[in-house]
mmCIF file of all heavy atoms, coordinates in Angstrom:
data_MODEL
# 
_entry.id   MODEL 
# 
loop_
_atom_site.group_PDB 
_atom_site.id 
_atom_site.type_symbol 
_atom_site.label_atom_id 
_atom_site.label_alt_id 
_atom_site.label_comp_id 
_atom_site.label_asym_id 
_atom_site.label_entity_id 
_atom_site.label_seq_id 
_atom_site.pdbx_PDB_ins_code 
_atom_site.Cartn_x 
_atom_site.Cartn_y 
_atom_site.Cartn_z 
_atom_site.occupancy 
_atom_site.B_iso_or_equiv 
_atom_site.pdbx_formal_charge 
_atom_site.auth_seq_id 
_atom_site.auth_comp_id 
_atom_site.auth_asym_id 
_atom_site.auth_atom_id 
_atom_site.pdbx_PDB_model_num 
ATOM 1   N N   . PRO A 1 1  ? 13.187 15.220 5.856  1.00 0.00 ? 1  PRO A N   1 
ATOM 2   C CA  . PRO A 1 1  ? 12.664 14.818 4.538  1.00 0.00 ? 1  PRO A CA  1 
ATOM 3   C C   . PRO A 1 1  ? 13.241 13.476 4.086  1.00 0.00 ? 1  PRO A C   1 
ATOM 4   O O   . PRO A 1 1  ? 12.558 12.668 3.464  1.00 0.00 ? 1  PRO A O   1 
ATOM 5   C CB  . PRO A 1 1  ? 13.188 15.984 3.650  1.00 0.00 ? 1  PRO A CB  1 
ATOM 6   C CG  . PRO A 1 1  ? 13.331 17.158 4.555  1.00 0.00 ? 1  PRO A CG  1 
ATOM 7   C CD  . PRO A 1 1  ? 13.787 16.569 5.861  1.00 0.00 ? 1  PRO A CD  1 
ATOM 8   N N   . GLY A 1 2  ? 14.476 13.189 4.451  1.00 0.00 ? 2  GLY A N   1 
ATOM 9   C CA  . GLY A 1 2  ? 15.045 11.901 4.031  1.00 0.00 ? 2  GLY A CA  1 
ATOM 10  C C   . GLY A 1 2  ? 14.347 10.746 4.691  1.00 0.00 ? 2  GLY A C   1 
ATOM 11  O O   . GLY A 1 2  ? 14.068 9.750  4.117  1.00 0.00 ? 2  GLY A O   1 
ATOM 12  N N   . ALA A 1 3  ? 14.042 10.994 6.030  1.00 0.00 ? 3  ALA A N   1 
ATOM 13  C CA  . ALA A 1 3  ? 13.342 9.939  6.722  1.00 0.00 ? 3  ALA A CA  1 
ATOM 14  C C   . ALA A 1 3  ? 11.934 9.653  6.107  1.00 0.00 ? 3  ALA A C   1 
ATOM 15  O O   . ALA A 1 3  ? 11.519 8.532  5.996  1.00 0.00 ? 3  ALA A O   1 
ATOM 16  C CB  . ALA A 1 3  ? 13.231 10.307 8.213  1.00 0.00 ? 3  ALA A CB  1 
ATOM 17  N N   . ARG A 1 4  ? 11.288 10.760 5.753  1.00 0.00 ? 4  ARG A N   1 
ATOM 18  C CA  . ARG A 1 4  ? 9.914  10.656 5.177  1.00 0.00 ? 4  ARG A CA  1 
ATOM 19  C C   . ARG A 1 4  ? 10.008 9.874  3.803  1.00 0.00 ? 4  ARG A C   1 
ATOM 20  O O   . ARG A 1 4  ? 9.053  9.224  3.430  1.00 0.00 ? 4  ARG A O   1 
ATOM 21  C CB  . ARG A 1 4  ? 9.328  12.049 4.939  1.00 0.00 ? 4  ARG A CB  1 
ATOM 22  C CG  . ARG A 1 4  ? 8.840  12.600 6.178  1.00 0.00 ? 4  ARG A CG  1 
ATOM 23  C CD  . ARG A 1 4  ? 8.093  13.935 5.939  1.00 0.00 ? 4  ARG A CD  1 
ATOM 24  N NE  . ARG A 1 4  ? 8.080  14.749 7.127  1.00 0.00 ? 4  ARG A NE  1 
ATOM 25  C CZ  . ARG A 1 4  ? 8.854  15.752 7.352  1.00 0.00 ? 4  ARG A CZ  1 
ATOM 26  N NH1 . ARG A 1 4  ? 9.708  16.186 6.480  1.00 0.00 ? 4  ARG A NH1 1 
ATOM 27  N NH2 . ARG A 1 4  ? 8.796  16.463 8.504  1.00 0.00 ? 4  ARG A NH2 1 
ATOM 28  N N   . ARG A 1 5  ? 11.109 9.997  3.138  1.00 0.00 ? 5  ARG A N   1 
ATOM 29  C CA  . ARG A 1 5  ? 11.239 9.291  1.849  1.00 0.00 ? 5  ARG A CA  1 
ATOM 30  C C   . ARG A 1 5  ? 11.493 7.763  2.035  1.00 0.00 ? 5  ARG A C   1 
ATOM 31  O O   . ARG A 1 5  ? 11.042 6.988  1.167  1.00 0.00 ? 5  ARG A O   1 
ATOM 32  C CB  . ARG A 1 5  ? 12.394 9.845  0.952  1.00 0.00 ? 5  ARG A CB  1 
ATOM 33  C CG  . ARG A 1 5  ? 12.031 11.160 0.324  1.00 0.00 ? 5  ARG A CG  1 
ATOM 34  C CD  . ARG A 1 5  ? 13.075 11.598 -0.684 1.00 0.00 ? 5  ARG A CD  1 
ATOM 35  N NE  . ARG A 1 5  ? 14.423 11.803 -0.078 1.00 0.00 ? 5  ARG A NE  1 
ATOM 36  C CZ  . ARG A 1 5  ? 14.858 12.921 0.411  1.00 0.00 ? 5  ARG A CZ  1 
ATOM 37  N NH1 . ARG A 1 5  ? 14.062 13.982 0.481  1.00 0.00 ? 5  ARG A NH1 1 
ATOM 38  N NH2 . ARG A 1 5  ? 16.047 13.040 0.921  1.00 0.00 ? 5  ARG A NH2 1 
ATOM 39  N N   . VAL A 1 6  ? 12.158 7.342  3.093  1.00 0.00 ? 6  VAL A N   1 
ATOM 40  C CA  . VAL A 1 6  ? 12.574 5.931  3.187  1.00 0.00 ? 6  VAL A CA  1 
ATOM 41  C C   . VAL A 1 6  ? 11.722 5.152  4.218  1.00 0.00 ? 6  VAL A C   1 
ATOM 42  O O   . VAL A 1 6  ? 11.788 3.953  4.209  1.00 0.00 ? 6  VAL A O   1 
ATOM 43  C CB  . VAL A 1 6  ? 13.991 5.824  3.507  1.00 0.00 ? 6  VAL A CB  1 
ATOM 44  C CG1 . VAL A 1 6  ? 14.889 6.385  2.368  1.00 0.00 ? 6  VAL A CG1 1 
ATOM 45  C CG2 . VAL A 1 6  ? 14.408 6.414  4.852  1.00 0.00 ? 6  VAL A CG2 1 
ATOM 46  N N   . LEU A 1 7  ? 10.975 5.819  5.136  1.00 0.00 ? 7  LEU A N   1 
ATOM 47  C CA  . LEU A 1 7  ? 10.206 5.145  6.137  1.00 0.00 ? 7  LEU A CA  1 
ATOM 48  C C   . LEU A 1 7  ? 8.746  5.236  5.832  1.00 0.00 ? 7  LEU A C   1 
ATOM 49  O O   . LEU A 1 7  ? 8.252  6.247  5.242  1.00 0.00 ? 7  LEU A O   1 
ATOM 50  C CB  . LEU A 1 7  ? 10.487 5.792  7.531  1.00 0.00 ? 7  LEU A CB  1 
ATOM 51  C CG  . LEU A 1 7  ? 11.946 5.689  8.001  1.00 0.00 ? 7  LEU A CG  1 
ATOM 52  C CD1 . LEU A 1 7  ? 12.074 6.456  9.315  1.00 0.00 ? 7  LEU A CD1 1 
ATOM 53  C CD2 . LEU A 1 7  ? 12.376 4.282  8.182  1.00 0.00 ? 7  LEU A CD2 1 
ATOM 54  N N   . THR A 1 8  ? 8.003  4.194  6.168  1.00 0.00 ? 8  THR A N   1 
ATOM 55  C CA  . THR A 1 8  ? 6.576  4.235  6.028  1.00 0.00 ? 8  THR A CA  1 
ATOM 56  C C   . THR A 1 8  ? 5.937  5.106  7.100  1.00 0.00 ? 8  THR A C   1 
ATOM 57  O O   . THR A 1 8  ? 6.597  5.418  8.093  1.00 0.00 ? 8  THR A O   1 
ATOM 58  C CB  . THR A 1 8  ? 6.012  2.839  6.171  1.00 0.00 ? 8  THR A CB  1 
ATOM 59  O OG1 . THR A 1 8  ? 6.132  2.355  7.470  1.00 0.00 ? 8  THR A OG1 1 
ATOM 60  C CG2 . THR A 1 8  ? 6.619  1.819  5.157  1.00 0.00 ? 8  THR A CG2 1 
ATOM 61  N N   . ARG A 1 9  ? 4.690  5.444  6.922  1.00 0.00 ? 9  ARG A N   1 
ATOM 62  C CA  . ARG A 1 9  ? 3.990  6.276  7.895  1.00 0.00 ? 9  ARG A CA  1 
ATOM 63  C C   . ARG A 1 9  ? 3.993  5.525  9.298  1.00 0.00 ? 9  ARG A C   1 
ATOM 64  O O   . ARG A 1 9  ? 4.214  6.148  10.349 1.00 0.00 ? 9  ARG A O   1 
ATOM 65  C CB  . ARG A 1 9  ? 2.574  6.555  7.494  1.00 0.00 ? 9  ARG A CB  1 
ATOM 66  C CG  . ARG A 1 9  ? 1.737  7.389  8.396  1.00 0.00 ? 9  ARG A CG  1 
ATOM 67  C CD  . ARG A 1 9  ? 0.377  7.734  7.767  1.00 0.00 ? 9  ARG A CD  1 
ATOM 68  N NE  . ARG A 1 9  ? -0.405 8.481  8.655  1.00 0.00 ? 9  ARG A NE  1 
ATOM 69  C CZ  . ARG A 1 9  ? -0.392 9.817  8.776  1.00 0.00 ? 9  ARG A CZ  1 
ATOM 70  N NH1 . ARG A 1 9  ? 0.414  10.507 8.025  1.00 0.00 ? 9  ARG A NH1 1 
ATOM 71  N NH2 . ARG A 1 9  ? -1.204 10.425 9.623  1.00 0.00 ? 9  ARG A NH2 1 
ATOM 72  N N   . GLU A 1 10 ? 3.747  4.265  9.220  1.00 0.00 ? 10 GLU A N   1 
ATOM 73  C CA  . GLU A 1 10 ? 3.761  3.453  10.480 1.00 0.00 ? 10 GLU A CA  1 
ATOM 74  C C   . GLU A 1 10 ? 5.120  3.515  11.193 1.00 0.00 ? 10 GLU A C   1 
ATOM 75  O O   . GLU A 1 10 ? 5.168  3.619  12.386 1.00 0.00 ? 10 GLU A O   1 
ATOM 76  C CB  . GLU A 1 10 ? 3.350  2.033  10.162 1.00 0.00 ? 10 GLU A CB  1 
ATOM 77  C CG  . GLU A 1 10 ? 3.170  1.178  11.364 1.00 0.00 ? 10 GLU A CG  1 
ATOM 78  C CD  . GLU A 1 10 ? 2.697  -0.235 10.968 1.00 0.00 ? 10 GLU A CD  1 
ATOM 79  O OE1 . GLU A 1 10 ? 1.465  -0.416 10.793 1.00 0.00 ? 10 GLU A OE1 1 
ATOM 80  O OE2 . GLU A 1 10 ? 3.562  -1.151 10.888 1.00 0.00 ? 10 GLU A OE2 1 
ATOM 81  N N   . GLU A 1 11 ? 6.118  3.354  10.415 1.00 0.00 ? 11 GLU A N   1 
ATOM 82  C CA  . GLU A 1 11 ? 7.519  3.441  10.974 1.00 0.00 ? 11 GLU A CA  1 
ATOM 83  C C   . GLU A 1 11 ? 7.777  4.768  11.539 1.00 0.00 ? 11 GLU A C   1 
ATOM 84  O O   . GLU A 1 11 ? 8.405  4.858  12.654 1.00 0.00 ? 11 GLU A O   1 
ATOM 85  C CB  . GLU A 1 11 ? 8.560  3.079  9.915  1.00 0.00 ? 11 GLU A CB  1 
ATOM 86  C CG  . GLU A 1 11 ? 8.543  1.618  9.506  1.00 0.00 ? 11 GLU A CG  1 
ATOM 87  C CD  . GLU A 1 11 ? 9.378  1.344  8.276  1.00 0.00 ? 11 GLU A CD  1 
ATOM 88  O OE1 . GLU A 1 11 ? 9.448  2.209  7.333  1.00 0.00 ? 11 GLU A OE1 1 
ATOM 89  O OE2 . GLU A 1 11 ? 10.068 0.274  8.258  1.00 0.00 ? 11 GLU A OE2 1 
ATOM 90  N N   . LEU A 1 12 ? 7.380  5.841  10.917 1.00 0.00 ? 12 LEU A N   1 
ATOM 91  C CA  . LEU A 1 12 ? 7.584  7.182  11.425 1.00 0.00 ? 12 LEU A CA  1 
ATOM 92  C C   . LEU A 1 12 ? 6.818  7.344  12.756 1.00 0.00 ? 12 LEU A C   1 
ATOM 93  O O   . LEU A 1 12 ? 7.316  7.975  13.726 1.00 0.00 ? 12 LEU A O   1 
ATOM 94  C CB  . LEU A 1 12 ? 7.130  8.194  10.403 1.00 0.00 ? 12 LEU A CB  1 
ATOM 95  C CG  . LEU A 1 12 ? 8.050  8.385  9.196  1.00 0.00 ? 12 LEU A CG  1 
ATOM 96  C CD1 . LEU A 1 12 ? 7.429  9.247  8.144  1.00 0.00 ? 12 LEU A CD1 1 
ATOM 97  C CD2 . LEU A 1 12 ? 9.345  8.957  9.559  1.00 0.00 ? 12 LEU A CD2 1 
ATOM 98  N N   . GLN A 1 13 ? 5.598  6.876  12.798 1.00 0.00 ? 13 GLN A N   1 
ATOM 99  C CA  . GLN A 1 13 ? 4.824  6.991  14.053 1.00 0.00 ? 13 GLN A CA  1 
ATOM 100 C C   . GLN A 1 13 ? 5.431  6.169  15.129 1.00 0.00 ? 13 GLN A C   1 
ATOM 101 O O   . GLN A 1 13 ? 5.533  6.664  16.284 1.00 0.00 ? 13 GLN A O   1 
ATOM 102 C CB  . GLN A 1 13 ? 3.345  6.512  13.786 1.00 0.00 ? 13 GLN A CB  1 
ATOM 103 C CG  . GLN A 1 13 ? 2.608  7.517  12.920 1.00 0.00 ? 13 GLN A CG  1 
ATOM 104 C CD  . GLN A 1 13 ? 1.191  7.036  12.507 1.00 0.00 ? 13 GLN A CD  1 
ATOM 105 O OE1 . GLN A 1 13 ? 0.904  5.850  12.526 1.00 0.00 ? 13 GLN A OE1 1 
ATOM 106 N NE2 . GLN A 1 13 ? 0.348  7.998  12.200 1.00 0.00 ? 13 GLN A NE2 1 
ATOM 107 N N   . GLU A 1 14 ? 5.926  4.998  14.844 1.00 0.00 ? 14 GLU A N   1 
ATOM 108 C CA  . GLU A 1 14 ? 6.651  4.223  15.818 1.00 0.00 ? 14 GLU A CA  1 
ATOM 109 C C   . GLU A 1 14 ? 7.903  4.864  16.342 1.00 0.00 ? 14 GLU A C   1 
ATOM 110 O O   . GLU A 1 14 ? 8.171  4.890  17.529 1.00 0.00 ? 14 GLU A O   1 
ATOM 111 C CB  . GLU A 1 14 ? 6.973  2.866  15.186 1.00 0.00 ? 14 GLU A CB  1 
ATOM 112 C CG  . GLU A 1 14 ? 7.330  1.770  16.123 1.00 0.00 ? 14 GLU A CG  1 
ATOM 113 C CD  . GLU A 1 14 ? 7.515  0.416  15.399 1.00 0.00 ? 14 GLU A CD  1 
ATOM 114 O OE1 . GLU A 1 14 ? 6.534  -0.025 14.765 1.00 0.00 ? 14 GLU A OE1 1 
ATOM 115 O OE2 . GLU A 1 14 ? 8.683  -0.039 15.375 1.00 0.00 ? 14 GLU A OE2 1 
ATOM 116 N N   . LEU A 1 15 ? 8.660  5.450  15.434 1.00 0.00 ? 15 LEU A N   1 
ATOM 117 C CA  . LEU A 1 15 ? 9.848  6.189  15.783 1.00 0.00 ? 15 LEU A CA  1 
ATOM 118 C C   . LEU A 1 15 ? 9.534  7.388  16.704 1.00 0.00 ? 15 LEU A C   1 
ATOM 119 O O   . LEU A 1 15 ? 10.156 7.630  17.673 1.00 0.00 ? 15 LEU A O   1 
ATOM 120 C CB  . LEU A 1 15 ? 10.637 6.659  14.531 1.00 0.00 ? 15 LEU A CB  1 
ATOM 121 C CG  . LEU A 1 15 ? 11.895 7.429  14.709 1.00 0.00 ? 15 LEU A CG  1 
ATOM 122 C CD1 . LEU A 1 15 ? 12.932 6.635  15.490 1.00 0.00 ? 15 LEU A CD1 1 
ATOM 123 C CD2 . LEU A 1 15 ? 12.457 7.833  13.413 1.00 0.00 ? 15 LEU A CD2 1 
ATOM 124 N N   . GLY A 1 16 ? 8.484  8.118  16.335 1.00 0.00 ? 16 GLY A N   1 
ATOM 125 C CA  . GLY A 1 16 ? 8.017  9.243  17.113 1.00 0.00 ? 16 GLY A CA  1 
ATOM 126 C C   . GLY A 1 16 ? 7.604  8.859  18.557 1.00 0.00 ? 16 GLY A C   1 
ATOM 127 O O   . GLY A 1 16 ? 8.001  9.437  19.534 1.00 0.00 ? 16 GLY A O   1 
ATOM 128 N N   . ALA A 1 17 ? 6.886  7.731  18.640 1.00 0.00 ? 17 ALA A N   1 
ATOM 129 C CA  . ALA A 1 17 ? 6.496  7.235  19.991 1.00 0.00 ? 17 ALA A CA  1 
ATOM 130 C C   . ALA A 1 17 ? 7.747  6.839  20.811 1.00 0.00 ? 17 ALA A C   1 
ATOM 131 O O   . ALA A 1 17 ? 7.754  7.137  21.962 1.00 0.00 ? 17 ALA A O   1 
ATOM 132 C CB  . ALA A 1 17 ? 5.577  6.000  19.826 1.00 0.00 ? 17 ALA A CB  1 
ATOM 133 N N   . ARG A 1 18 ? 8.683  6.188  20.180 1.00 0.00 ? 18 ARG A N   1 
ATOM 134 C CA  . ARG A 1 18 ? 9.931  5.860  20.847 1.00 0.00 ? 18 ARG A CA  1 
ATOM 135 C C   . ARG A 1 18 ? 10.723 7.065  21.379 1.00 0.00 ? 18 ARG A C   1 
ATOM 136 O O   . ARG A 1 18 ? 11.196 7.119  22.453 1.00 0.00 ? 18 ARG A O   1 
ATOM 137 C CB  . ARG A 1 18 ? 10.757 4.942  19.988 1.00 0.00 ? 18 ARG A CB  1 
ATOM 138 C CG  . ARG A 1 18 ? 12.077 4.500  20.626 1.00 0.00 ? 18 ARG A CG  1 
ATOM 139 C CD  . ARG A 1 18 ? 11.826 3.507  21.700 1.00 0.00 ? 18 ARG A CD  1 
ATOM 140 N NE  . ARG A 1 18 ? 13.118 3.122  22.279 1.00 0.00 ? 18 ARG A NE  1 
ATOM 141 C CZ  . ARG A 1 18 ? 13.367 3.075  23.595 1.00 0.00 ? 18 ARG A CZ  1 
ATOM 142 N NH1 . ARG A 1 18 ? 12.422 3.309  24.453 1.00 0.00 ? 18 ARG A NH1 1 
ATOM 143 N NH2 . ARG A 1 18 ? 14.572 2.708  24.013 1.00 0.00 ? 18 ARG A NH2 1 
ATOM 144 N N   . MET A 1 19 ? 10.771 8.078  20.518 1.00 0.00 ? 19 MET A N   1 
ATOM 145 C CA  . MET A 1 19 ? 11.484 9.371  20.871 1.00 0.00 ? 19 MET A CA  1 
ATOM 146 C C   . MET A 1 19 ? 10.781 10.007 22.023 1.00 0.00 ? 19 MET A C   1 
ATOM 147 O O   . MET A 1 19 ? 11.434 10.539 22.948 1.00 0.00 ? 19 MET A O   1 
ATOM 148 C CB  . MET A 1 19 ? 11.563 10.227 19.694 1.00 0.00 ? 19 MET A CB  1 
ATOM 149 C CG  . MET A 1 19 ? 12.518 9.698  18.579 1.00 0.00 ? 19 MET A CG  1 
ATOM 150 S SD  . MET A 1 19 ? 12.542 10.641 17.088 1.00 0.00 ? 19 MET A SD  1 
ATOM 151 C CE  . MET A 1 19 ? 13.436 12.117 17.621 1.00 0.00 ? 19 MET A CE  1 
ATOM 152 N N   . ARG A 1 20 ? 9.458  10.042 22.018 1.00 0.00 ? 20 ARG A N   1 
ATOM 153 C CA  . ARG A 1 20 ? 8.716  10.615 23.130 1.00 0.00 ? 20 ARG A CA  1 
ATOM 154 C C   . ARG A 1 20 ? 8.983  9.900  24.426 1.00 0.00 ? 20 ARG A C   1 
ATOM 155 O O   . ARG A 1 20 ? 9.170  10.499 25.489 1.00 0.00 ? 20 ARG A O   1 
ATOM 156 C CB  . ARG A 1 20 ? 7.194  10.677 22.843 1.00 0.00 ? 20 ARG A CB  1 
ATOM 157 C CG  . ARG A 1 20 ? 6.802  11.759 21.859 1.00 0.00 ? 20 ARG A CG  1 
ATOM 158 C CD  . ARG A 1 20 ? 5.313  11.872 21.738 1.00 0.00 ? 20 ARG A CD  1 
ATOM 159 N NE  . ARG A 1 20 ? 4.648  10.714 21.174 1.00 0.00 ? 20 ARG A NE  1 
ATOM 160 C CZ  . ARG A 1 20 ? 4.564  10.432 19.879 1.00 0.00 ? 20 ARG A CZ  1 
ATOM 161 N NH1 . ARG A 1 20 ? 5.125  11.302 18.997 1.00 0.00 ? 20 ARG A NH1 1 
ATOM 162 N NH2 . ARG A 1 20 ? 3.948  9.376  19.471 1.00 0.00 ? 20 ARG A NH2 1 
ATOM 163 N N   . GLU A 1 21 ? 9.062  8.538  24.361 1.00 0.00 ? 21 GLU A N   1 
ATOM 164 C CA  . GLU A 1 21 ? 9.341  7.811  25.547 1.00 0.00 ? 21 GLU A CA  1 
ATOM 165 C C   . GLU A 1 21 ? 10.727 8.063  26.067 1.00 0.00 ? 21 GLU A C   1 
ATOM 166 O O   . GLU A 1 21 ? 10.945 8.221  27.285 1.00 0.00 ? 21 GLU A O   1 
ATOM 167 C CB  . GLU A 1 21 ? 9.196  6.287  25.237 1.00 0.00 ? 21 GLU A CB  1 
ATOM 168 C CG  . GLU A 1 21 ? 9.523  5.325  26.411 1.00 0.00 ? 21 GLU A CG  1 
ATOM 169 C CD  . GLU A 1 21 ? 8.756  5.605  27.701 1.00 0.00 ? 21 GLU A CD  1 
ATOM 170 O OE1 . GLU A 1 21 ? 7.624  5.974  27.648 1.00 0.00 ? 21 GLU A OE1 1 
ATOM 171 O OE2 . GLU A 1 21 ? 9.386  5.349  28.790 1.00 0.00 ? 21 GLU A OE2 1 
ATOM 172 N N   . LEU A 1 22 ? 11.732 8.123  25.186 1.00 0.00 ? 22 LEU A N   1 
ATOM 173 C CA  . LEU A 1 22 ? 13.076 8.386  25.619 1.00 0.00 ? 22 LEU A CA  1 
ATOM 174 C C   . LEU A 1 22 ? 13.193 9.803  26.277 1.00 0.00 ? 22 LEU A C   1 
ATOM 175 O O   . LEU A 1 22 ? 13.839 9.993  27.245 1.00 0.00 ? 22 LEU A O   1 
ATOM 176 C CB  . LEU A 1 22 ? 14.029 8.266  24.452 1.00 0.00 ? 22 LEU A CB  1 
ATOM 177 C CG  . LEU A 1 22 ? 14.324 6.849  23.922 1.00 0.00 ? 22 LEU A CG  1 
ATOM 178 C CD1 . LEU A 1 22 ? 15.105 6.912  22.650 1.00 0.00 ? 22 LEU A CD1 1 
ATOM 179 C CD2 . LEU A 1 22 ? 15.028 6.055  24.979 1.00 0.00 ? 22 LEU A CD2 1 
ATOM 180 N N   . LYS A 1 23 ? 12.450 10.695 25.703 1.00 0.00 ? 23 LYS A N   1 
ATOM 181 C CA  . LYS A 1 23 ? 12.411 12.123 26.266 1.00 0.00 ? 23 LYS A CA  1 
ATOM 182 C C   . LYS A 1 23 ? 11.813 12.104 27.590 1.00 0.00 ? 23 LYS A C   1 
ATOM 183 O O   . LYS A 1 23 ? 12.323 12.774 28.511 1.00 0.00 ? 23 LYS A O   1 
ATOM 184 C CB  . LYS A 1 23 ? 11.669 13.011 25.280 1.00 0.00 ? 23 LYS A CB  1 
ATOM 185 C CG  . LYS A 1 23 ? 11.812 14.444 25.647 1.00 0.00 ? 23 LYS A CG  1 
ATOM 186 C CD  . LYS A 1 23 ? 11.185 15.355 24.581 1.00 0.00 ? 23 LYS A CD  1 
ATOM 187 C CE  . LYS A 1 23 ? 11.288 16.763 24.965 1.00 0.00 ? 23 LYS A CE  1 
ATOM 188 N NZ  . LYS A 1 23 ? 10.697 17.668 23.919 1.00 0.00 ? 23 LYS A NZ  1 
ATOM 189 N N   . ALA A 1 24 ? 10.712 11.337 27.776 1.00 0.00 ? 24 ALA A N   1 
ATOM 190 C CA  . ALA A 1 24 ? 10.057 11.260 29.105 1.00 0.00 ? 24 ALA A CA  1 
ATOM 191 C C   . ALA A 1 24 ? 11.000 10.568 30.147 1.00 0.00 ? 24 ALA A C   1 
ATOM 192 O O   . ALA A 1 24 ? 11.065 11.048 31.277 1.00 0.00 ? 24 ALA A O   1 
ATOM 193 C CB  . ALA A 1 24 ? 8.763  10.478 28.979 1.00 0.00 ? 24 ALA A CB  1 
ATOM 194 N N   . GLN A 1 25 ? 11.740 9.562  29.709 1.00 0.00 ? 25 GLN A N   1 
ATOM 195 C CA  . GLN A 1 25 ? 12.713 8.903  30.603 1.00 0.00 ? 25 GLN A CA  1 
ATOM 196 C C   . GLN A 1 25 ? 13.794 9.915  31.067 1.00 0.00 ? 25 GLN A C   1 
ATOM 197 O O   . GLN A 1 25 ? 14.202 9.978  32.207 1.00 0.00 ? 25 GLN A O   1 
ATOM 198 C CB  . GLN A 1 25 ? 13.335 7.731  29.947 1.00 0.00 ? 25 GLN A CB  1 
ATOM 199 C CG  . GLN A 1 25 ? 12.409 6.511  29.805 1.00 0.00 ? 25 GLN A CG  1 
ATOM 200 C CD  . GLN A 1 25 ? 13.074 5.384  28.983 1.00 0.00 ? 25 GLN A CD  1 
ATOM 201 O OE1 . GLN A 1 25 ? 14.228 5.379  28.776 1.00 0.00 ? 25 GLN A OE1 1 
ATOM 202 N NE2 . GLN A 1 25 ? 12.243 4.446  28.604 1.00 0.00 ? 25 GLN A NE2 1 
ATOM 203 N N   . GLU A 1 26 ? 14.264 10.647 30.095 1.00 0.00 ? 26 GLU A N   1 
ATOM 204 C CA  . GLU A 1 26 ? 15.301 11.629 30.387 1.00 0.00 ? 26 GLU A CA  1 
ATOM 205 C C   . GLU A 1 26 ? 14.824 12.683 31.381 1.00 0.00 ? 26 GLU A C   1 
ATOM 206 O O   . GLU A 1 26 ? 15.563 13.112 32.275 1.00 0.00 ? 26 GLU A O   1 
ATOM 207 C CB  . GLU A 1 26 ? 15.769 12.323 29.101 1.00 0.00 ? 26 GLU A CB  1 
ATOM 208 C CG  . GLU A 1 26 ? 16.908 13.296 29.256 1.00 0.00 ? 26 GLU A CG  1 
ATOM 209 C CD  . GLU A 1 26 ? 18.268 12.707 29.744 1.00 0.00 ? 26 GLU A CD  1 
ATOM 210 O OE1 . GLU A 1 26 ? 18.491 11.509 29.449 1.00 0.00 ? 26 GLU A OE1 1 
ATOM 211 O OE2 . GLU A 1 26 ? 19.035 13.420 30.297 1.00 0.00 ? 26 GLU A OE2 1 
# 
């Protein structure tokens, strides 16, 4: 909820894409 308050939708989507990539690398 804190992240949703301070990040834009675009930033959240970018962060999600980066997390998916890191998970795939792992």
